[in-house]
């Protein structure tokens, strides 16, 4: 099952996505989370919390699910 994360800006970082998706409580937890769990961005493993995610990107987070980035229609 895919979840959609809508963004109003050009991009969101991987760390922001983790917080927005409810995977972590604070941005500071992103670094530790990414060291302990496998994350794939568009089917390629990526552990950089500053990785820019744009509409259309698909992020698979171990233990949390699959998230698609979408542009908010504001």
N, C-alpha and C. Protein backbone atom coordinates (compact mmCIF):
# COMPACT_ATOMS: atom_id res chain seq x y z
N UNK A 1 0.84 -1.20 0.00
CA UNK A 1 0.00 0.00 0.00
C UNK A 1 0.87 1.24 0.00
N UNK A 2 0.50 2.20 -0.81
CA UNK A 2 1.27 3.44 -0.91
C UNK A 2 0.57 4.57 -0.19
N UNK A 3 1.35 5.36 0.51
CA UNK A 3 0.84 6.56 1.16
C UNK A 3 1.30 7.76 0.36
N UNK A 4 0.52 8.81 0.32
CA UNK A 4 0.89 10.01 -0.41
C UNK A 4 1.22 11.13 0.58
N UNK A 5 2.36 11.76 0.35
CA UNK A 5 2.76 12.92 1.14
C UNK A 5 2.71 14.12 0.21
N UNK A 6 1.80 15.05 0.49
CA UNK A 6 1.68 16.24 -0.36
C UNK A 6 2.58 17.35 0.16
N UNK A 7 3.29 17.98 -0.76
CA UNK A 7 4.17 19.09 -0.39
C UNK A 7 3.74 20.35 -1.13
N UNK A 8 3.98 21.51 -0.49
CA UNK A 8 3.61 22.78 -1.10
C UNK A 8 4.82 23.49 -1.70
N UNK A 9 6.02 23.01 -1.36
CA UNK A 9 7.24 23.61 -1.89
C UNK A 9 7.77 22.75 -3.03
N UNK A 10 8.90 23.16 -3.59
CA UNK A 10 9.49 22.43 -4.72
C UNK A 10 9.93 21.03 -4.31
N UNK A 11 10.45 20.89 -3.09
CA UNK A 11 10.93 19.59 -2.63
C UNK A 11 10.81 19.49 -1.11
N UNK A 12 11.01 18.27 -0.60
CA UNK A 12 11.06 18.02 0.84
C UNK A 12 12.30 17.15 1.05
N UNK A 13 12.95 17.27 2.18
CA UNK A 13 14.12 16.42 2.42
C UNK A 13 13.67 15.09 3.01
N UNK A 14 14.54 14.10 2.92
CA UNK A 14 14.22 12.79 3.47
C UNK A 14 13.95 12.88 4.96
N UNK A 15 14.72 13.69 5.68
CA UNK A 15 14.49 13.88 7.11
C UNK A 15 13.11 14.47 7.39
N UNK A 16 12.70 15.45 6.58
CA UNK A 16 11.37 16.05 6.74
C UNK A 16 10.27 15.03 6.43
N UNK A 17 10.51 14.20 5.43
CA UNK A 17 9.53 13.17 5.08
C UNK A 17 9.33 12.20 6.25
N UNK A 18 10.41 11.79 6.88
CA UNK A 18 10.31 10.86 8.01
C UNK A 18 9.43 11.45 9.11
N UNK A 19 9.61 12.74 9.37
CA UNK A 19 8.80 13.40 10.40
C UNK A 19 7.35 13.55 9.94
N UNK A 20 7.15 13.98 8.71
CA UNK A 20 5.81 14.18 8.15
C UNK A 20 5.01 12.87 8.12
N UNK A 21 5.71 11.77 7.85
CA UNK A 21 5.06 10.46 7.76
C UNK A 21 4.81 9.84 9.14
N UNK A 22 5.31 10.50 10.19
CA UNK A 22 5.10 9.99 11.54
C UNK A 22 6.05 8.87 11.93
N UNK A 23 7.11 8.71 11.15
CA UNK A 23 8.08 7.65 11.43
C UNK A 23 8.98 8.05 12.60
N UNK A 24 9.31 9.35 12.68
CA UNK A 24 10.11 9.88 13.78
C UNK A 24 9.36 11.06 14.38
N UNK A 25 9.71 11.41 15.62
CA UNK A 25 9.03 12.51 16.30
C UNK A 25 9.68 13.87 16.06
N UNK A 26 11.01 13.89 15.94
CA UNK A 26 11.71 15.15 15.74
C UNK A 26 12.73 15.00 14.61
N UNK A 27 13.08 16.12 14.00
CA UNK A 27 14.06 16.10 12.92
C UNK A 27 15.40 15.55 13.36
N UNK A 28 15.75 15.77 14.63
CA UNK A 28 17.03 15.29 15.14
C UNK A 28 17.14 13.78 15.18
N UNK A 29 16.01 13.09 15.14
CA UNK A 29 16.02 11.63 15.17
C UNK A 29 16.33 11.03 13.81
N UNK A 30 16.31 11.84 12.76
CA UNK A 30 16.48 11.34 11.39
C UNK A 30 17.83 10.65 11.19
N UNK A 31 18.88 11.26 11.66
CA UNK A 31 20.22 10.70 11.46
C UNK A 31 20.32 9.30 12.07
N UNK A 32 19.85 9.15 13.30
CA UNK A 32 19.89 7.86 13.98
C UNK A 32 19.00 6.84 13.28
N UNK A 33 17.80 7.27 12.89
CA UNK A 33 16.87 6.37 12.19
C UNK A 33 17.50 5.84 10.92
N UNK A 34 18.12 6.73 10.15
CA UNK A 34 18.70 6.34 8.86
C UNK A 34 19.91 5.44 9.01
N UNK A 35 20.56 5.47 10.17
CA UNK A 35 21.67 4.54 10.42
C UNK A 35 21.15 3.14 10.74
N UNK A 36 19.95 3.06 11.31
CA UNK A 36 19.42 1.78 11.78
C UNK A 36 18.45 1.10 10.81
N UNK A 37 17.84 1.86 9.91
CA UNK A 37 16.83 1.30 9.01
C UNK A 37 17.21 1.55 7.55
N UNK A 38 16.78 0.64 6.69
CA UNK A 38 17.05 0.76 5.26
C UNK A 38 15.95 1.60 4.61
N UNK A 39 16.38 2.56 3.79
CA UNK A 39 15.44 3.42 3.07
C UNK A 39 15.83 3.41 1.58
N UNK A 40 14.84 3.27 0.73
CA UNK A 40 15.06 3.31 -0.71
C UNK A 40 14.31 4.50 -1.29
N UNK A 41 14.99 5.25 -2.15
CA UNK A 41 14.38 6.36 -2.88
C UNK A 41 14.41 5.96 -4.35
N UNK A 42 13.24 5.82 -4.95
CA UNK A 42 13.14 5.37 -6.34
C UNK A 42 13.93 4.09 -6.57
N UNK A 43 13.78 3.14 -5.63
CA UNK A 43 14.39 1.80 -5.68
C UNK A 43 15.90 1.79 -5.51
N UNK A 44 16.49 2.91 -5.11
CA UNK A 44 17.92 2.96 -4.83
C UNK A 44 18.10 3.31 -3.36
N UNK A 45 18.96 2.53 -2.67
CA UNK A 45 19.16 2.78 -1.24
C UNK A 45 19.79 4.16 -1.04
N UNK A 46 19.26 4.90 -0.08
CA UNK A 46 19.77 6.24 0.22
C UNK A 46 19.54 6.53 1.69
N UNK A 47 20.59 6.89 2.39
CA UNK A 47 20.50 7.14 3.83
C UNK A 47 20.78 8.61 4.17
N UNK A 48 20.77 9.49 3.18
CA UNK A 48 21.07 10.91 3.42
C UNK A 48 19.82 11.65 3.85
N UNK A 49 19.84 12.18 5.07
CA UNK A 49 18.64 12.87 5.56
C UNK A 49 18.36 14.15 4.79
N UNK A 50 19.36 14.71 4.12
CA UNK A 50 19.18 15.92 3.33
C UNK A 50 18.81 15.66 1.88
N UNK A 51 18.62 14.40 1.52
CA UNK A 51 18.25 14.04 0.15
C UNK A 51 16.97 14.76 -0.23
N UNK A 52 17.00 15.47 -1.34
CA UNK A 52 15.82 16.22 -1.80
C UNK A 52 14.87 15.29 -2.53
N UNK A 53 13.61 15.34 -2.12
CA UNK A 53 12.56 14.53 -2.73
C UNK A 53 11.58 15.43 -3.45
N UNK A 54 11.29 15.09 -4.68
CA UNK A 54 10.42 15.90 -5.52
C UNK A 54 9.13 15.14 -5.84
N UNK A 55 8.07 15.85 -6.26
CA UNK A 55 6.84 15.15 -6.65
C UNK A 55 7.14 14.04 -7.65
N UNK A 56 6.56 12.88 -7.41
CA UNK A 56 6.80 11.71 -8.26
C UNK A 56 7.79 10.73 -7.66
N UNK A 57 8.61 11.19 -6.71
CA UNK A 57 9.56 10.29 -6.05
C UNK A 57 8.81 9.31 -5.15
N UNK A 58 9.32 8.09 -5.08
CA UNK A 58 8.73 7.06 -4.23
C UNK A 58 9.77 6.63 -3.21
N UNK A 59 9.39 6.65 -1.94
CA UNK A 59 10.30 6.32 -0.84
C UNK A 59 9.76 5.10 -0.10
N UNK A 60 10.62 4.08 0.01
CA UNK A 60 10.24 2.87 0.75
C UNK A 60 11.04 2.85 2.04
N UNK A 61 10.33 2.84 3.17
CA UNK A 61 10.97 2.90 4.48
C UNK A 61 10.74 1.58 5.20
N UNK A 62 11.83 0.92 5.55
CA UNK A 62 11.76 -0.37 6.25
C UNK A 62 10.87 -0.24 7.49
N UNK A 63 9.87 -1.09 7.57
CA UNK A 63 8.99 -1.11 8.74
C UNK A 63 7.91 -0.04 8.76
N UNK A 64 7.92 0.87 7.79
CA UNK A 64 6.95 1.96 7.80
C UNK A 64 6.09 2.02 6.55
N UNK A 65 6.57 1.48 5.43
CA UNK A 65 5.77 1.46 4.22
C UNK A 65 6.37 2.25 3.07
N UNK A 66 5.53 2.48 2.08
CA UNK A 66 5.92 3.17 0.85
C UNK A 66 5.19 4.50 0.78
N UNK A 67 5.93 5.54 0.44
CA UNK A 67 5.38 6.89 0.38
C UNK A 67 5.70 7.52 -0.97
N UNK A 68 4.68 8.12 -1.58
CA UNK A 68 4.88 8.85 -2.84
C UNK A 68 4.76 10.34 -2.56
N UNK A 69 5.69 11.10 -3.12
CA UNK A 69 5.68 12.55 -2.96
C UNK A 69 4.76 13.13 -4.05
N UNK A 70 3.84 14.00 -3.65
CA UNK A 70 2.93 14.62 -4.59
C UNK A 70 2.90 16.13 -4.34
N UNK A 71 2.66 16.86 -5.39
CA UNK A 71 2.54 18.32 -5.28
C UNK A 71 1.14 18.67 -4.81
N UNK A 72 1.06 19.53 -3.82
CA UNK A 72 -0.24 19.97 -3.32
C UNK A 72 -0.82 20.95 -4.31
N UNK A 73 -2.10 20.86 -4.55
CA UNK A 73 -2.74 21.75 -5.55
C UNK A 73 -3.27 23.01 -4.87
N UNK A 74 -2.37 23.78 -4.29
CA UNK A 74 -2.75 25.05 -3.65
C UNK A 74 -2.54 26.18 -4.59
